[in-house]
Amino acid sequence: MNPALAFARSRGLPGAAATALVAAVATTLAAGSRVDLPDFRYLVDFSVPVAAVAPVAYAVVLATTLHTPQADLEHLSARPVHLYRRLYLVVLTLFAVALAALPLLSGAPGGLVAASVRNAVGHLGLAALSARLFGTGLGWLLPLGALGPTLLMGVAEDNTPEWWAWPIQGPSSAGAAVVAGLLWLAGTLVPEAPVRKAEAAR
C-alpha cells in the first residue's frame, strides 16, 4: 500500500473528511444565516454568520485524525515521522480552507469567506497545538475550550467584539488574521510535550 495512503487511513481520514464535508455543505446551504450570541455580560445585540462559526467544527472533526493507534510506534520510529505529521497538517489545513471557502458557491460575500478561512486556519492550529500538548486524542480540547468564552463573553459593552475574541472579529481585522496565523504556526512548530515522549518510550 502507498505509504501516504496508509498514513491517512491509519488516522481515519476518509471518514473524518466525509463528515467535515457534510458539515461544510450544510454551512453553505445556511450561509446567509446568523448565530445570535447570548448577552452574558451586557445587554447587546450581536450575531455572527454561521459560516464564521462552522470552521471550529471542521477543526474538531479533522483533529480526530491527528490520533493513531500506532502513535507509540511512530514515536520510536527511526524515520523522521514528525516531518510527515507536519506535512499532514498542511494537507489538513488546505482541506479545511477549501471547506471554509465552499459558501462562495452559494453566493456568500468574499469578506465572509475570508473570515471563515481565517477561522479554519486558526482553529486547526489550536487543534494541532492541543494534540501536541495533551496528546493526539485530545486535539479537540483547545478549539472547543476557546469557543465557549468567545461566544459567551466575546462581545464588549459597545456591541463590538473584544480584542481577544479573534474568531468573531470582522474579515478586515488584521489582528485576528495574525492571531490565527500564529496559532497555526504554534500547532505546527511547537515540539511535543516531553511527558508524551516519555510515555511513548516506556
Protein backbone atom coordinates (compact mmCIF):
# COMPACT_ATOMS: atom_id res chain seq x y z
CA MET A 1 0.00 0.00 0.00
CA ASN A 2 1.15 3.54 -0.74
CA PRO A 3 2.77 4.95 2.47
CA ALA A 4 0.85 8.23 2.24
CA LEU A 5 -2.45 6.38 1.83
CA ALA A 6 -1.60 4.06 4.72
CA PHE A 7 -0.68 7.08 6.87
CA ALA A 8 -4.05 8.75 6.15
CA ARG A 9 -6.11 5.59 6.57
CA SER A 10 -4.48 4.78 9.91
CA ARG A 11 -5.86 8.07 11.17
CA GLY A 12 -9.38 7.59 9.84
CA LEU A 13 -9.04 10.50 7.42
CA PRO A 14 -11.63 9.30 4.84
CA GLY A 15 -14.45 9.17 7.40
CA ALA A 16 -13.45 12.46 9.05
CA ALA A 17 -13.15 14.19 5.68
CA ALA A 18 -16.61 12.97 4.69
CA THR A 19 -18.09 14.21 7.97
CA ALA A 20 -16.42 17.61 7.61
CA LEU A 21 -17.63 17.85 4.02
CA VAL A 22 -21.23 17.20 5.09
CA ALA A 23 -20.90 19.96 7.70
CA ALA A 24 -19.47 22.31 5.07
CA VAL A 25 -22.31 21.60 2.65
CA ALA A 26 -24.84 22.31 5.40
CA THR A 27 -22.99 25.53 6.19
CA THR A 28 -23.05 26.50 2.52
CA LEU A 29 -26.81 26.00 2.38
CA ALA A 30 -27.21 28.16 5.50
CA ALA A 31 -24.53 30.68 4.59
CA GLY A 32 -26.97 33.57 4.90
CA SER A 33 -27.98 32.67 8.46
CA ARG A 34 -26.50 34.18 11.60
CA VAL A 35 -25.97 32.97 15.16
CA ASP A 36 -27.16 35.31 17.92
CA LEU A 37 -24.62 35.49 20.73
CA PRO A 38 -26.03 35.49 24.28
CA ASP A 39 -25.86 38.74 26.24
CA PHE A 40 -23.95 37.06 29.05
CA ARG A 41 -22.35 40.26 30.38
CA TYR A 42 -24.06 43.17 28.66
CA LEU A 43 -27.40 43.82 27.01
CA VAL A 44 -26.02 43.68 23.49
CA ASP A 45 -27.44 42.54 20.19
CA PHE A 46 -24.59 40.82 18.35
CA SER A 47 -24.62 37.98 15.88
CA VAL A 48 -22.08 36.22 13.69
CA PRO A 49 -22.59 34.41 10.38
CA VAL A 50 -22.92 30.63 10.53
CA ALA A 51 -20.06 30.37 8.05
CA ALA A 52 -17.74 32.12 10.52
CA VAL A 53 -18.59 29.74 13.37
CA ALA A 54 -18.63 26.47 11.40
CA PRO A 55 -14.83 26.20 10.95
CA VAL A 56 -14.47 25.11 14.57
CA ALA A 57 -16.49 22.03 13.63
CA TYR A 58 -14.15 21.31 10.72
CA ALA A 59 -11.15 21.66 13.04
CA VAL A 60 -12.61 19.39 15.72
CA VAL A 61 -13.57 16.69 13.21
CA LEU A 62 -10.25 16.82 11.39
CA ALA A 63 -8.38 16.90 14.71
CA THR A 64 -9.61 13.37 15.37
CA THR A 65 -7.30 12.24 12.57
CA LEU A 66 -4.27 13.50 14.47
CA HIS A 67 -4.66 10.42 16.63
CA THR A 68 -3.49 6.99 15.56
CA PRO A 69 -3.42 3.62 17.35
CA GLN A 70 0.19 3.35 16.18
CA ALA A 71 1.34 6.54 17.95
CA ASP A 72 3.82 4.71 20.20
CA LEU A 73 5.46 3.01 17.22
CA GLU A 74 5.69 6.33 15.39
CA HIS A 75 7.40 7.96 18.36
CA LEU A 76 10.02 5.23 18.40
CA SER A 77 10.46 5.12 14.63
CA ALA A 78 13.90 5.82 13.17
CA ARG A 79 12.29 7.68 10.31
CA PRO A 80 11.52 11.43 10.66
CA VAL A 81 7.81 10.87 11.33
CA HIS A 82 7.47 14.39 12.74
CA LEU A 83 8.09 15.71 9.23
CA TYR A 84 5.27 13.54 7.90
CA ARG A 85 2.98 14.83 10.64
CA ARG A 86 3.75 18.43 9.76
CA LEU A 87 3.14 17.77 6.09
CA TYR A 88 -0.09 16.04 7.06
CA LEU A 89 -1.17 19.13 8.99
CA VAL A 90 -0.54 21.24 5.89
CA VAL A 91 -2.79 18.89 3.89
CA LEU A 92 -5.48 19.09 6.58
CA THR A 93 -5.22 22.88 6.54
CA LEU A 94 -5.66 23.06 2.77
CA PHE A 95 -8.70 20.81 3.05
CA ALA A 96 -10.18 22.94 5.86
CA VAL A 97 -9.58 26.09 3.81
CA ALA A 98 -11.38 24.52 0.84
CA LEU A 99 -14.33 23.65 3.10
CA ALA A 100 -14.38 27.18 4.52
CA ALA A 101 -14.44 28.61 1.00
CA LEU A 102 -17.35 26.41 -0.07
CA PRO A 103 -20.00 29.08 0.75
CA LEU A 104 -18.71 31.02 -2.26
CA LEU A 105 -20.76 28.57 -4.33
CA SER A 106 -23.94 29.88 -2.72
CA GLY A 107 -23.03 33.50 -3.38
CA ALA A 108 -21.61 34.31 0.05
CA PRO A 109 -19.63 37.57 0.06
CA GLY A 110 -15.88 37.39 -0.15
CA GLY A 111 -15.41 39.04 3.24
CA LEU A 112 -17.45 36.36 4.97
CA VAL A 113 -15.47 33.62 3.25
CA ALA A 114 -12.21 35.33 4.23
CA ALA A 115 -13.29 35.29 7.90
CA SER A 116 -14.30 31.64 7.57
CA VAL A 117 -10.94 30.70 6.07
CA ARG A 118 -9.12 32.63 8.79
CA ASN A 119 -11.07 30.82 11.49
CA ALA A 120 -10.46 27.44 9.86
CA VAL A 121 -6.71 28.05 9.92
CA GLY A 122 -6.73 29.34 13.49
CA HIS A 123 -8.93 26.61 14.94
CA LEU A 124 -6.96 23.88 13.19
CA GLY A 125 -3.79 25.39 14.62
CA LEU A 126 -5.39 25.25 18.08
CA ALA A 127 -6.32 21.62 17.48
CA ALA A 128 -2.77 20.72 16.47
CA LEU A 129 -1.38 22.60 19.48
CA SER A 130 -3.80 20.78 21.75
CA ALA A 131 -2.70 17.46 20.28
CA ARG A 132 0.96 18.29 20.90
CA LEU A 133 0.44 19.48 24.47
CA PHE A 134 -2.14 17.00 25.73
CA GLY A 135 -1.86 14.04 23.38
CA THR A 136 -3.28 13.36 19.94
CA GLY A 137 -6.55 12.04 21.35
CA LEU A 138 -7.30 15.50 22.80
CA GLY A 139 -6.89 17.56 19.67
CA TRP A 140 -10.44 18.86 20.13
CA LEU A 141 -9.80 20.30 23.61
CA LEU A 142 -8.43 23.77 22.86
CA PRO A 143 -10.73 24.60 19.90
CA LEU A 144 -13.86 23.77 21.89
CA GLY A 145 -12.41 25.20 25.10
CA ALA A 146 -11.80 28.53 23.39
CA LEU A 147 -15.16 28.63 21.64
CA GLY A 148 -17.29 28.87 24.81
CA PRO A 149 -15.67 32.01 26.28
CA THR A 150 -15.60 33.62 22.85
CA LEU A 151 -19.32 33.17 22.29
CA LEU A 152 -20.35 33.93 25.87
CA MET A 153 -18.02 36.81 26.73
CA GLY A 154 -16.52 37.94 23.45
CA VAL A 155 -18.76 40.98 22.91
CA ALA A 156 -17.97 44.28 24.62
CA GLU A 157 -20.43 46.77 26.05
CA ASP A 158 -20.30 48.84 22.85
CA ASN A 159 -21.60 45.84 20.86
CA THR A 160 -18.27 45.11 19.21
CA PRO A 161 -16.03 42.05 19.62
CA GLU A 162 -13.49 42.12 22.43
CA TRP A 163 -9.89 42.47 21.27
CA TRP A 164 -9.13 38.86 22.23
CA ALA A 165 -12.21 37.33 20.55
CA TRP A 166 -10.49 36.81 17.21
CA PRO A 167 -12.98 34.24 15.74
CA ILE A 168 -15.86 36.76 15.79
CA GLN A 169 -13.86 39.70 14.51
CA GLY A 170 -14.76 41.08 11.10
CA PRO A 171 -12.95 39.93 7.96
CA SER A 172 -10.93 43.15 7.82
CA SER A 173 -9.36 42.61 11.25
CA ALA A 174 -5.62 42.31 10.70
CA GLY A 175 -5.12 41.38 14.35
CA ALA A 176 -7.46 38.39 14.09
CA ALA A 177 -5.64 37.20 10.96
CA VAL A 178 -2.29 37.48 12.73
CA VAL A 179 -3.58 35.52 15.75
CA ALA A 180 -4.97 32.78 13.50
CA GLY A 181 -1.67 32.54 11.66
CA LEU A 182 0.34 32.41 14.88
CA LEU A 183 -1.89 29.69 16.29
CA TRP A 184 -1.35 27.62 13.17
CA LEU A 185 2.41 28.11 13.34
CA ALA A 186 2.39 27.16 17.01
CA GLY A 187 0.43 23.99 16.27
CA THR A 188 2.88 23.13 13.50
CA LEU A 189 6.20 24.00 15.10
CA VAL A 190 5.84 23.65 18.87
CA PRO A 191 7.60 20.45 19.93
CA GLU A 192 5.66 17.71 21.60
CA ALA A 193 5.47 17.85 25.38
CA PRO A 194 8.32 15.81 26.96
CA VAL A 195 5.86 13.87 29.11
CA ARG A 196 4.22 12.49 25.97
CA LYS A 197 7.58 11.35 24.60
CA ALA A 198 8.44 9.71 27.88
CA GLU A 199 5.17 7.81 27.88
CA ALA A 200 5.85 6.53 24.36
CA ALA A 201 9.34 5.37 25.29
CA ARG A 202 8.15 3.20 28.18
